Amino acid sequence: IRKKAEILYINAYSGHADKRDLDKLIQSQPSALKGLFLVHGEEQAMFALAERSAPVLDAEITMPERGVEYMLV
């Protein structure tokens, strides 16, 4: 499948130890984010991150479900 989206991987973060850094990263350039997919971590922690990020983002925050296809435009 040919991808037309830029996919960024951050392998050096821990949701526990780097919570503040993850928040800073997301909140540092809110207008640059057109959408946010949370795909790794415990469900409760992902919901908390989404809840913290929603007020500063003008973007949809999605926690994709296995087997569901998403259209990225």
N, C-alpha and C. Protein backbone atom coordinates (compact mmCIF):
# COMPACT_ATOMS: atom_id res chain seq x y z
N ILE A 1 0.85 -1.17 0.00
CA ILE A 1 0.00 0.00 0.00
C ILE A 1 0.89 1.22 0.00
N ARG A 2 0.65 2.09 -0.93
CA ARG A 2 1.43 3.33 -1.01
C ARG A 2 0.88 4.34 0.00
N LYS A 3 1.74 4.85 0.83
CA LYS A 3 1.33 5.80 1.87
C LYS A 3 1.50 7.22 1.37
N LYS A 4 0.52 8.04 1.65
CA LYS A 4 0.60 9.46 1.29
C LYS A 4 0.66 10.31 2.55
N ALA A 5 0.98 9.70 3.67
CA ALA A 5 1.04 10.40 4.94
C ALA A 5 2.44 10.28 5.51
N GLU A 6 2.81 11.24 6.27
CA GLU A 6 4.08 11.17 6.97
C GLU A 6 3.81 10.48 8.30
N ILE A 7 4.53 9.43 8.57
CA ILE A 7 4.36 8.67 9.80
C ILE A 7 5.61 8.83 10.64
N LEU A 8 5.45 9.32 11.85
CA LEU A 8 6.57 9.55 12.73
C LEU A 8 6.56 8.52 13.84
N TYR A 9 7.70 7.94 14.12
CA TYR A 9 7.84 6.98 15.20
C TYR A 9 8.78 7.59 16.24
N ILE A 10 8.40 7.51 17.47
CA ILE A 10 9.25 7.98 18.55
C ILE A 10 9.50 6.77 19.45
N ASN A 11 10.65 6.16 19.28
CA ASN A 11 10.95 4.93 20.01
C ASN A 11 11.61 5.17 21.37
N ALA A 12 11.95 6.41 21.65
CA ALA A 12 12.73 6.68 22.85
C ALA A 12 11.88 7.17 24.02
N TYR A 13 10.58 7.16 23.89
CA TYR A 13 9.73 7.68 24.95
C TYR A 13 9.08 6.58 25.76
N SER A 14 8.92 6.82 27.02
CA SER A 14 8.17 5.95 27.92
C SER A 14 6.98 6.76 28.40
N GLY A 15 5.81 6.20 28.33
CA GLY A 15 4.61 6.92 28.74
C GLY A 15 4.62 7.30 30.21
N HIS A 16 5.40 6.59 31.01
CA HIS A 16 5.45 6.90 32.43
C HIS A 16 6.52 7.96 32.71
N ALA A 17 7.73 7.67 32.32
CA ALA A 17 8.84 8.57 32.64
C ALA A 17 8.81 9.85 31.81
N ASP A 18 8.26 9.78 30.62
CA ASP A 18 8.33 10.93 29.70
C ASP A 18 6.98 11.59 29.47
N LYS A 19 6.07 11.46 30.42
CA LYS A 19 4.74 12.05 30.27
C LYS A 19 4.83 13.54 29.94
N ARG A 20 5.64 14.26 30.68
CA ARG A 20 5.75 15.71 30.45
C ARG A 20 6.33 16.00 29.06
N ASP A 21 7.32 15.20 28.65
CA ASP A 21 7.92 15.41 27.34
C ASP A 21 6.93 15.11 26.21
N LEU A 22 6.11 14.06 26.37
CA LEU A 22 5.09 13.77 25.37
C LEU A 22 4.09 14.91 25.28
N ASP A 23 3.66 15.43 26.43
CA ASP A 23 2.74 16.56 26.44
C ASP A 23 3.35 17.77 25.76
N LYS A 24 4.62 18.06 26.07
CA LYS A 24 5.30 19.21 25.45
C LYS A 24 5.40 19.03 23.95
N LEU A 25 5.74 17.83 23.51
CA LEU A 25 5.88 17.56 22.08
C LEU A 25 4.56 17.83 21.35
N ILE A 26 3.48 17.32 21.89
CA ILE A 26 2.17 17.49 21.25
C ILE A 26 1.73 18.94 21.30
N GLN A 27 1.96 19.60 22.41
CA GLN A 27 1.47 20.96 22.59
C GLN A 27 2.38 22.03 22.01
N SER A 28 3.59 21.67 21.60
CA SER A 28 4.54 22.67 21.11
C SER A 28 4.17 23.23 19.75
N GLN A 29 3.51 22.44 18.92
CA GLN A 29 3.13 22.90 17.59
C GLN A 29 1.73 22.39 17.24
N PRO A 30 0.73 22.83 17.99
CA PRO A 30 -0.61 22.27 17.78
C PRO A 30 -1.17 22.51 16.38
N SER A 31 -0.82 23.60 15.75
CA SER A 31 -1.37 23.87 14.41
C SER A 31 -0.72 22.99 13.35
N ALA A 32 0.43 22.39 13.64
CA ALA A 32 1.10 21.52 12.68
C ALA A 32 0.47 20.13 12.63
N LEU A 33 -0.25 19.76 13.68
CA LEU A 33 -0.87 18.43 13.73
C LEU A 33 -2.25 18.46 13.09
N LYS A 34 -2.44 17.64 12.09
CA LYS A 34 -3.73 17.54 11.42
C LYS A 34 -4.56 16.40 12.01
N GLY A 35 -3.92 15.53 12.75
CA GLY A 35 -4.58 14.42 13.42
C GLY A 35 -3.57 13.72 14.30
N LEU A 36 -4.07 13.01 15.29
CA LEU A 36 -3.19 12.31 16.21
C LEU A 36 -3.74 10.91 16.42
N PHE A 37 -2.94 9.89 16.10
CA PHE A 37 -3.30 8.50 16.31
C PHE A 37 -2.49 7.98 17.49
N LEU A 38 -3.18 7.52 18.50
CA LEU A 38 -2.52 6.93 19.67
C LEU A 38 -2.63 5.42 19.51
N VAL A 39 -1.48 4.77 19.32
CA VAL A 39 -1.51 3.36 18.94
C VAL A 39 -0.74 2.44 19.89
N HIS A 40 -0.16 2.98 20.93
CA HIS A 40 0.65 2.13 21.80
C HIS A 40 0.47 2.56 23.24
N GLY A 41 0.25 1.61 24.11
CA GLY A 41 0.14 1.92 25.52
C GLY A 41 -1.12 1.34 26.11
N GLU A 42 -1.23 1.47 27.41
CA GLU A 42 -2.42 1.02 28.09
C GLU A 42 -3.57 1.95 27.75
N GLU A 43 -4.75 1.38 27.59
CA GLU A 43 -5.91 2.16 27.17
C GLU A 43 -6.16 3.36 28.08
N GLN A 44 -6.09 3.16 29.37
CA GLN A 44 -6.33 4.23 30.33
C GLN A 44 -5.32 5.38 30.14
N ALA A 45 -4.05 5.04 29.90
CA ALA A 45 -3.02 6.06 29.70
C ALA A 45 -3.25 6.80 28.38
N MET A 46 -3.68 6.08 27.34
CA MET A 46 -3.95 6.75 26.06
C MET A 46 -5.14 7.70 26.18
N PHE A 47 -6.18 7.29 26.91
CA PHE A 47 -7.32 8.18 27.12
C PHE A 47 -6.89 9.43 27.89
N ALA A 48 -6.03 9.26 28.87
CA ALA A 48 -5.54 10.40 29.65
C ALA A 48 -4.74 11.35 28.76
N LEU A 49 -3.88 10.81 27.90
CA LEU A 49 -3.10 11.65 26.98
C LEU A 49 -4.04 12.38 26.02
N ALA A 50 -5.02 11.69 25.50
CA ALA A 50 -5.98 12.33 24.60
C ALA A 50 -6.74 13.44 25.31
N GLU A 51 -7.13 13.20 26.54
CA GLU A 51 -7.86 14.19 27.33
C GLU A 51 -7.01 15.44 27.59
N ARG A 52 -5.73 15.23 27.88
CA ARG A 52 -4.83 16.37 28.12
C ARG A 52 -4.54 17.14 26.84
N SER A 53 -4.52 16.45 25.71
CA SER A 53 -4.12 17.07 24.45
C SER A 53 -5.28 17.77 23.75
N ALA A 54 -6.49 17.28 23.93
CA ALA A 54 -7.65 17.80 23.20
C ALA A 54 -7.85 19.32 23.31
N PRO A 55 -7.69 19.93 24.49
CA PRO A 55 -7.94 21.37 24.58
C PRO A 55 -7.00 22.25 23.75
N VAL A 56 -5.81 21.75 23.43
CA VAL A 56 -4.85 22.58 22.68
C VAL A 56 -4.78 22.22 21.20
N LEU A 57 -5.38 21.12 20.80
CA LEU A 57 -5.31 20.67 19.41
C LEU A 57 -6.60 20.98 18.66
N ASP A 58 -6.43 21.44 17.45
CA ASP A 58 -7.57 21.57 16.55
C ASP A 58 -7.47 20.40 15.57
N ALA A 59 -7.46 19.20 16.13
CA ALA A 59 -7.27 17.99 15.34
C ALA A 59 -7.99 16.84 16.01
N GLU A 60 -8.35 15.85 15.22
CA GLU A 60 -9.00 14.68 15.76
C GLU A 60 -7.97 13.76 16.40
N ILE A 61 -8.30 13.24 17.55
CA ILE A 61 -7.44 12.29 18.25
C ILE A 61 -8.12 10.93 18.15
N THR A 62 -7.40 9.96 17.59
CA THR A 62 -7.98 8.65 17.33
C THR A 62 -7.16 7.56 17.99
N MET A 63 -7.85 6.60 18.56
CA MET A 63 -7.22 5.38 19.05
C MET A 63 -7.75 4.26 18.16
N PRO A 64 -7.03 3.95 17.07
CA PRO A 64 -7.53 3.02 16.07
C PRO A 64 -7.81 1.63 16.63
N GLU A 65 -8.81 1.01 16.04
CA GLU A 65 -9.15 -0.36 16.42
C GLU A 65 -8.55 -1.31 15.40
N ARG A 66 -8.12 -2.46 15.87
CA ARG A 66 -7.53 -3.48 15.00
C ARG A 66 -8.54 -3.87 13.92
N GLY A 67 -8.06 -3.89 12.69
CA GLY A 67 -8.89 -4.31 11.57
C GLY A 67 -9.73 -3.22 10.95
N VAL A 68 -9.74 -2.04 11.53
CA VAL A 68 -10.52 -0.92 10.99
C VAL A 68 -9.61 -0.09 10.09
N GLU A 69 -10.12 0.29 8.94
CA GLU A 69 -9.33 1.12 8.02
C GLU A 69 -9.69 2.58 8.22
N TYR A 70 -8.70 3.43 8.11
CA TYR A 70 -8.88 4.87 8.30
C TYR A 70 -8.40 5.58 7.04
N MET A 71 -9.17 6.51 6.56
CA MET A 71 -8.80 7.30 5.39
C MET A 71 -8.04 8.55 5.87
N LEU A 72 -6.83 8.68 5.41
CA LEU A 72 -6.01 9.84 5.75
C LEU A 72 -5.94 10.73 4.52
N VAL A 73 -6.39 11.95 4.67
CA VAL A 73 -6.36 12.89 3.54
C VAL A 73 -5.68 14.16 3.95
